[in-house]
Amino acid sequence: MSTTVEVKDLATQWRTILESVRSGEEVVLVDQSIPQARLLPINRRQPGMHPDAIVMGADFDEALPDQFWQGTK
């Protein structure tokens, strides 16, 4: 859901706007009905959201070859 707020009303409605964004709502700031900015909630990551998304290779802790350090192929 999206709410539109005039820029001139920001000073008096800032707390209400912030609470709306915190609750997951999108707020569009407009100046004379022309969109200027969009406020979106920050999606905070939580541990365990993507289990097994990253898999460590079996050779993870092996020494890198000399070519790697020398910059050659």
PDB file of N, CA and C in Angstrom:
ATOM      1  N   MET A   1       0.844  -1.174   0.000  1.00  0.00           N
ATOM      2  CA  MET A   1       0.000   0.000   0.000  1.00  0.00           C
ATOM      3  C   MET A   1       0.891   1.240   0.000  1.00  0.00           C
ATOM      4  N   SER A   2       0.423   2.309  -0.603  1.00  0.00           N
ATOM      5  CA  SER A   2       1.208   3.518  -0.729  1.00  0.00           C
ATOM      6  C   SER A   2       0.404   4.732  -0.271  1.00  0.00           C
ATOM      7  N   THR A   3       1.085   5.656   0.397  1.00  0.00           N
ATOM      8  CA  THR A   3       0.472   6.897   0.843  1.00  0.00           C
ATOM      9  C   THR A   3       1.220   8.050   0.194  1.00  0.00           C
ATOM     10  N   THR A   4       0.515   9.114  -0.153  1.00  0.00           N
ATOM     11  CA  THR A   4       1.125  10.300  -0.750  1.00  0.00           C
ATOM     12  C   THR A   4       1.079  11.435   0.265  1.00  0.00           C
ATOM     13  N   VAL A   5       2.223  12.124   0.418  1.00  0.00           N
ATOM     14  CA  VAL A   5       2.309  13.236   1.358  1.00  0.00           C
ATOM     15  C   VAL A   5       2.960  14.415   0.646  1.00  0.00           C
ATOM     16  N   GLU A   6       2.374  15.597   0.803  1.00  0.00           N
ATOM     17  CA  GLU A   6       2.959  16.807   0.228  1.00  0.00           C
ATOM     18  C   GLU A   6       4.208  17.201   1.022  1.00  0.00           C
ATOM     19  N   VAL A   7       5.231  17.649   0.314  1.00  0.00           N
ATOM     20  CA  VAL A   7       6.492  18.039   0.941  1.00  0.00           C
ATOM     21  C   VAL A   7       6.255  19.128   1.984  1.00  0.00           C
ATOM     22  N   LYS A   8       5.347  20.039   1.715  1.00  0.00           N
ATOM     23  CA  LYS A   8       5.078  21.144   2.660  1.00  0.00           C
ATOM     24  C   LYS A   8       4.514  20.642   3.997  1.00  0.00           C
ATOM     25  N   ASP A   9       3.991  19.410   4.004  1.00  0.00           N
ATOM     26  CA  ASP A   9       3.409  18.848   5.229  1.00  0.00           C
ATOM     27  C   ASP A   9       4.387  17.977   6.019  1.00  0.00           C
ATOM     28  N   LEU A  10       5.603  17.825   5.518  1.00  0.00           N
ATOM     29  CA  LEU A  10       6.576  16.946   6.179  1.00  0.00           C
ATOM     30  C   LEU A  10       6.867  17.354   7.619  1.00  0.00           C
ATOM     31  N   ALA A  11       7.072  18.629   7.852  1.00  0.00           N
ATOM     32  CA  ALA A  11       7.460  19.088   9.187  1.00  0.00           C
ATOM     33  C   ALA A  11       6.420  18.731  10.242  1.00  0.00           C
ATOM     34  N   THR A  12       5.170  18.790   9.887  1.00  0.00           N
ATOM     35  CA  THR A  12       4.120  18.523  10.878  1.00  0.00           C
ATOM     36  C   THR A  12       3.710  17.056  10.942  1.00  0.00           C
ATOM     37  N   GLN A  13       4.036  16.263   9.908  1.00  0.00           N
ATOM     38  CA  GLN A  13       3.596  14.871   9.862  1.00  0.00           C
ATOM     39  C   GLN A  13       4.741  13.864   9.940  1.00  0.00           C
ATOM     40  N   TRP A  14       5.950  14.328  10.241  1.00  0.00           N
ATOM     41  CA  TRP A  14       7.122  13.447  10.166  1.00  0.00           C
ATOM     42  C   TRP A  14       6.968  12.179  11.007  1.00  0.00           C
ATOM     43  N   ARG A  15       6.534  12.295  12.225  1.00  0.00           N
ATOM     44  CA  ARG A  15       6.391  11.119  13.106  1.00  0.00           C
ATOM     45  C   ARG A  15       5.377  10.119  12.546  1.00  0.00           C
ATOM     46  N   THR A  16       4.258  10.614  12.059  1.00  0.00           N
ATOM     47  CA  THR A  16       3.230   9.743  11.490  1.00  0.00           C
ATOM     48  C   THR A  16       3.750   9.039  10.245  1.00  0.00           C
ATOM     49  N   ILE A  17       4.478   9.778   9.404  1.00  0.00           N
ATOM     50  CA  ILE A  17       5.049   9.205   8.187  1.00  0.00           C
ATOM     51  C   ILE A  17       6.045   8.113   8.541  1.00  0.00           C
ATOM     52  N   LEU A  18       6.899   8.385   9.500  1.00  0.00           N
ATOM     53  CA  LEU A  18       7.905   7.406   9.913  1.00  0.00           C
ATOM     54  C   LEU A  18       7.248   6.137  10.461  1.00  0.00           C
ATOM     55  N   GLU A  19       6.216   6.271  11.236  1.00  0.00           N
ATOM     56  CA  GLU A  19       5.510   5.099  11.755  1.00  0.00           C
ATOM     57  C   GLU A  19       4.874   4.290  10.633  1.00  0.00           C
ATOM     58  N   SER A  20       4.351   4.976   9.625  1.00  0.00           N
ATOM     59  CA  SER A  20       3.765   4.277   8.478  1.00  0.00           C
ATOM     60  C   SER A  20       4.821   3.452   7.752  1.00  0.00           C
ATOM     61  N   VAL A  21       5.991   4.056   7.548  1.00  0.00           N
ATOM     62  CA  VAL A  21       7.083   3.351   6.865  1.00  0.00           C
ATOM     63  C   VAL A  21       7.564   2.179   7.711  1.00  0.00           C
ATOM     64  N   ARG A  22       7.707   2.388   9.004  1.00  0.00           N
ATOM     65  CA  ARG A  22       8.145   1.308   9.895  1.00  0.00           C
ATOM     66  C   ARG A  22       7.184   0.122   9.866  1.00  0.00           C
ATOM     67  N   SER A  23       5.911   0.394   9.650  1.00  0.00           N
ATOM     68  CA  SER A  23       4.929  -0.690   9.633  1.00  0.00           C
ATOM     69  C   SER A  23       4.838  -1.373   8.269  1.00  0.00           C
ATOM     70  N   GLY A  24       5.703  -0.951   7.319  1.00  0.00           N
ATOM     71  CA  GLY A  24       5.768  -1.622   6.030  1.00  0.00           C
ATOM     72  C   GLY A  24       5.132  -0.876   4.877  1.00  0.00           C
ATOM     73  N   GLU A  25       4.623   0.296   5.130  1.00  0.00           N
ATOM     74  CA  GLU A  25       3.945   1.065   4.090  1.00  0.00           C
ATOM     75  C   GLU A  25       4.938   1.912   3.294  1.00  0.00           C
ATOM     76  N   GLU A  26       4.668   2.097   2.024  1.00  0.00           N
ATOM     77  CA  GLU A  26       5.467   2.973   1.166  1.00  0.00           C
ATOM     78  C   GLU A  26       4.853   4.362   1.215  1.00  0.00           C
ATOM     79  N   VAL A  27       5.701   5.401   1.345  1.00  0.00           N
ATOM     80  CA  VAL A  27       5.218   6.777   1.364  1.00  0.00           C
ATOM     81  C   VAL A  27       5.888   7.531   0.224  1.00  0.00           C
ATOM     82  N   VAL A  28       5.070   8.163  -0.626  1.00  0.00           N
ATOM     83  CA  VAL A  28       5.576   8.943  -1.747  1.00  0.00           C
ATOM     84  C   VAL A  28       5.459  10.419  -1.384  1.00  0.00           C
ATOM     85  N   LEU A  29       6.590  11.139  -1.464  1.00  0.00           N
ATOM     86  CA  LEU A  29       6.591  12.569  -1.191  1.00  0.00           C
ATOM     87  C   LEU A  29       6.386  13.306  -2.502  1.00  0.00           C
ATOM     88  N   VAL A  30       5.429  14.215  -2.521  1.00  0.00           N
ATOM     89  CA  VAL A  30       5.119  14.965  -3.735  1.00  0.00           C
ATOM     90  C   VAL A  30       5.215  16.456  -3.459  1.00  0.00           C
ATOM     91  N   ASP A  31       5.585  17.216  -4.486  1.00  0.00           N
ATOM     92  CA  ASP A  31       5.620  18.669  -4.411  1.00  0.00           C
ATOM     93  C   ASP A  31       4.685  19.177  -5.494  1.00  0.00           C
ATOM     94  N   GLN A  32       3.554  19.715  -5.085  1.00  0.00           N
ATOM     95  CA  GLN A  32       2.493  20.150  -5.998  1.00  0.00           C
ATOM     96  C   GLN A  32       2.074  19.004  -6.920  1.00  0.00           C
ATOM     97  N   SER A  33       1.861  17.856  -6.326  1.00  0.00           N
ATOM     98  CA  SER A  33       1.410  16.623  -6.997  1.00  0.00           C
ATOM     99  C   SER A  33       2.441  15.983  -7.909  1.00  0.00           C
ATOM    100  N   ILE A  34       3.685  16.476  -7.901  1.00  0.00           N
ATOM    101  CA  ILE A  34       4.761  15.866  -8.697  1.00  0.00           C
ATOM    102  C   ILE A  34       5.607  15.011  -7.761  1.00  0.00           C
ATOM    103  N   PRO A  35       5.692  13.704  -8.002  1.00  0.00           N
ATOM    104  CA  PRO A  35       6.482  12.830  -7.126  1.00  0.00           C
ATOM    105  C   PRO A  35       7.947  13.281  -7.049  1.00  0.00           C
ATOM    106  N   GLN A  36       8.467  13.331  -5.827  1.00  0.00           N
ATOM    107  CA  GLN A  36       9.844  13.770  -5.593  1.00  0.00           C
ATOM    108  C   GLN A  36      10.707  12.680  -4.968  1.00  0.00           C
ATOM    109  N   ALA A  37      10.119  11.875  -4.104  1.00  0.00           N
ATOM    110  CA  ALA A  37      10.890  10.846  -3.393  1.00  0.00           C
ATOM    111  C   ALA A  37       9.932   9.769  -2.907  1.00  0.00           C
ATOM    112  N   ARG A  38      10.537   8.627  -2.590  1.00  0.00           N
ATOM    113  CA  ARG A  38       9.755   7.498  -2.080  1.00  0.00           C
ATOM    114  C   ARG A  38      10.459   6.968  -0.838  1.00  0.00           C
ATOM    115  N   LEU A  39       9.736   6.818   0.232  1.00  0.00           N
ATOM    116  CA  LEU A  39      10.265   6.257   1.472  1.00  0.00           C
ATOM    117  C   LEU A  39       9.803   4.817   1.576  1.00  0.00           C
ATOM    118  N   LEU A  40      10.761   3.922   1.763  1.00  0.00           N
ATOM    119  CA  LEU A  40      10.458   2.495   1.861  1.00  0.00           C
ATOM    120  C   LEU A  40      11.024   1.938   3.150  1.00  0.00           C
ATOM    121  N   PRO A  41      10.373   0.931   3.717  1.00  0.00           N
ATOM    122  CA  PRO A  41      10.935   0.303   4.910  1.00  0.00           C
ATOM    123  C   PRO A  41      12.197  -0.472   4.557  1.00  0.00           C
ATOM    124  N   ILE A  42      13.110  -0.555   5.502  1.00  0.00           N
ATOM    125  CA  ILE A  42      14.324  -1.342   5.319  1.00  0.00           C
ATOM    126  C   ILE A  42      14.001  -2.784   5.681  1.00  0.00           C
ATOM    127  N   ASN A  43      14.259  -3.676   4.758  1.00  0.00           N
ATOM    128  CA  ASN A  43      14.045  -5.099   5.038  1.00  0.00           C
ATOM    129  C   ASN A  43      15.277  -5.621   5.756  1.00  0.00           C
ATOM    130  N   ARG A  44      15.115  -5.864   7.020  1.00  0.00           N
ATOM    131  CA  ARG A  44      16.249  -6.345   7.816  1.00  0.00           C
ATOM    132  C   ARG A  44      16.411  -7.844   7.627  1.00  0.00           C
ATOM    133  N   ARG A  45      17.651  -8.254   7.422  1.00  0.00           N
ATOM    134  CA  ARG A  45      17.928  -9.685   7.262  1.00  0.00           C
ATOM    135  C   ARG A  45      17.880 -10.381   8.616  1.00  0.00           C
ATOM    136  N   GLN A  46      17.490 -11.629   8.564  1.00  0.00           N
ATOM    137  CA  GLN A  46      17.458 -12.422   9.772  1.00  0.00           C
ATOM    138  C   GLN A  46      18.191 -13.728   9.524  1.00  0.00           C
ATOM    139  N   PRO A  47      18.945 -14.195  10.508  1.00  0.00           N
ATOM    140  CA  PRO A  47      19.674 -15.452  10.336  1.00  0.00           C
ATOM    141  C   PRO A  47      18.718 -16.597   9.999  1.00  0.00           C
ATOM    142  N   GLY A  48      19.160 -17.451   9.092  1.00  0.00           N
ATOM    143  CA  GLY A  48      18.393 -18.625   8.743  1.00  0.00           C
ATOM    144  C   GLY A  48      17.364 -18.424   7.647  1.00  0.00           C
ATOM    145  N   MET A  49      17.338 -17.241   7.025  1.00  0.00           N
ATOM    146  CA  MET A  49      16.346 -16.985   5.982  1.00  0.00           C
ATOM    147  C   MET A  49      16.615 -17.802   4.714  1.00  0.00           C
ATOM    148  N   HIS A  50      17.890 -18.073   4.423  1.00  0.00           N
ATOM    149  CA  HIS A  50      18.264 -18.786   3.209  1.00  0.00           C
ATOM    150  C   HIS A  50      19.234 -19.914   3.538  1.00  0.00           C
ATOM    151  N   PRO A  51      18.762 -20.965   4.193  1.00  0.00           N
ATOM    152  CA  PRO A  51      19.671 -22.048   4.545  1.00  0.00           C
ATOM    153  C   PRO A  51      20.235 -22.714   3.292  1.00  0.00           C
ATOM    154  N   ASP A  52      21.499 -23.097   3.360  1.00  0.00           N
ATOM    155  CA  ASP A  52      22.201 -23.767   2.267  1.00  0.00           C
ATOM    156  C   ASP A  52      22.362 -22.911   1.015  1.00  0.00           C
ATOM    157  N   ALA A  53      22.214 -21.598   1.119  1.00  0.00           N
ATOM    158  CA  ALA A  53      22.381 -20.723  -0.042  1.00  0.00           C
ATOM    159  C   ALA A  53      23.862 -20.594  -0.410  1.00  0.00           C
ATOM    160  N   ILE A  54      24.736 -20.722   0.561  1.00  0.00           N
ATOM    161  CA  ILE A  54      26.176 -20.639   0.318  1.00  0.00           C
ATOM    162  C   ILE A  54      26.794 -21.949   0.789  1.00  0.00           C
ATOM    163  N   VAL A  55      27.540 -22.564  -0.105  1.00  0.00           N
ATOM    164  CA  VAL A  55      28.185 -23.833   0.229  1.00  0.00           C
ATOM    165  C   VAL A  55      29.693 -23.649   0.100  1.00  0.00           C
ATOM    166  N   MET A  56      30.422 -24.034   1.119  1.00  0.00           N
ATOM    167  CA  MET A  56      31.871 -23.914   1.115  1.00  0.00           C
ATOM    168  C   MET A  56      32.473 -25.112   0.382  1.00  0.00           C
ATOM    169  N   GLY A  57      33.403 -24.828  -0.518  1.00  0.00           N
ATOM    170  CA  GLY A  57      34.052 -25.894  -1.274  1.00  0.00           C
ATOM    171  C   GLY A  57      34.929 -26.760  -0.387  1.00  0.00           C
ATOM    172  N   ALA A  58      35.144 -27.997  -0.810  1.00  0.00           N
ATOM    173  CA  ALA A  58      35.959 -28.931  -0.028  1.00  0.00           C
ATOM    174  C   ALA A  58      37.403 -28.453   0.082  1.00  0.00           C
ATOM    175  N   ASP A  59      37.868 -27.666  -0.908  1.00  0.00           N
ATOM    176  CA  ASP A  59      39.255 -27.197  -0.900  1.00  0.00           C
ATOM    177  C   ASP A  59      39.391 -25.784  -0.323  1.00  0.00           C
ATOM    178  N   PHE A  60      38.422 -25.346   0.450  1.00  0.00           N
ATOM    179  CA  PHE A  60      38.393 -23.987   0.973  1.00  0.00           C
ATOM    180  C   PHE A  60      39.681 -23.572   1.686  1.00  0.00           C
ATOM    181  N   ASP A  61      40.223 -24.438   2.513  1.00  0.00           N
ATOM    182  CA  ASP A  61      41.390 -24.061   3.319  1.00  0.00           C
ATOM    183  C   ASP A  61      42.719 -24.533   2.732  1.00  0.00           C
ATOM    184  N   GLU A  62      42.713 -24.963   1.482  1.00  0.00           N
ATOM    185  CA  GLU A  62      43.977 -25.362   0.844  1.00  0.00           C
ATOM    186  C   GLU A  62      44.726 -24.123   0.365  1.00  0.00           C
ATOM    187  N   ALA A  63      46.044 -24.263   0.270  1.00  0.00           N
ATOM    188  CA  ALA A  63      46.881 -23.149  -0.185  1.00  0.00           C
ATOM    189  C   ALA A  63      46.561 -22.794  -1.632  1.00  0.00           C
ATOM    190  N   LEU A  64      46.632 -21.499  -1.936  1.00  0.00           N
ATOM    191  CA  LEU A  64      46.414 -21.057  -3.302  1.00  0.00           C
ATOM    192  C   LEU A  64      47.670 -21.329  -4.131  1.00  0.00           C
ATOM    193  N   PRO A  65      47.506 -21.602  -5.427  1.00  0.00           N
ATOM    194  CA  PRO A  65      48.668 -21.902  -6.261  1.00  0.00           C
ATOM    195  C   PRO A  65      49.566 -20.674  -6.447  1.00  0.00           C
ATOM    196  N   ASP A  66      50.825 -20.904  -6.780  1.00  0.00           N
ATOM    197  CA  ASP A  66      51.775 -19.800  -6.987  1.00  0.00           C
ATOM    198  C   ASP A  66      51.314 -18.853  -8.087  1.00  0.00           C
ATOM    199  N   GLN A  67      50.636 -19.388  -9.102  1.00  0.00           N
ATOM    200  CA  GLN A  67      50.164 -18.526 -10.196  1.00  0.00           C
ATOM    201  C   GLN A  67      49.202 -17.442  -9.683  1.00  0.00           C
ATOM    202  N   PHE A  68      48.459 -17.784  -8.678  1.00  0.00           N
ATOM    203  CA  PHE A  68      47.544 -16.794  -8.113  1.00  0.00           C
ATOM    204  C   PHE A  68      48.323 -15.616  -7.545  1.00  0.00           C
ATOM    205  N   TRP A  69      49.364 -15.898  -6.777  1.00  0.00           N
ATOM    206  CA  TRP A  69      50.147 -14.856  -6.122  1.00  0.00           C
ATOM    207  C   TRP A  69      51.024 -14.092  -7.101  1.00  0.00           C
ATOM    208  N   GLN A  70      51.427 -14.752  -8.178  1.00  0.00           N
ATOM    209  CA  GLN A  70      52.294 -14.117  -9.176  1.00  0.00           C
ATOM    210  C   GLN A  70      51.499 -13.365 -10.232  1.00  0.00           C
ATOM    211  N   GLY A  71      50.217 -13.580 -10.269  1.00  0.00           N
ATOM    212  CA  GLY A  71      49.381 -12.905 -11.259  1.00  0.00           C
ATOM    213  C   GLY A  71      49.510 -13.491 -12.643  1.00  0.00           C
ATOM    214  N   THR A  72      49.891 -14.752 -12.747  1.00  0.00           N
ATOM    215  CA  THR A  72      50.023 -15.410 -14.039  1.00  0.00           C
ATOM    216  C   THR A  72      48.982 -16.497 -14.147  1.00  0.00           C
ATOM    217  N   LYS A  73      48.871 -17.055 -15.360  1.00  0.00           N
ATOM    218  CA  LYS A  73      47.894 -18.132 -15.569  1.00  0.00           C
ATOM    219  C   LYS A  73      48.545 -19.454 -15.671  1.00  0.00           C
TER     220      LYS A  73
END
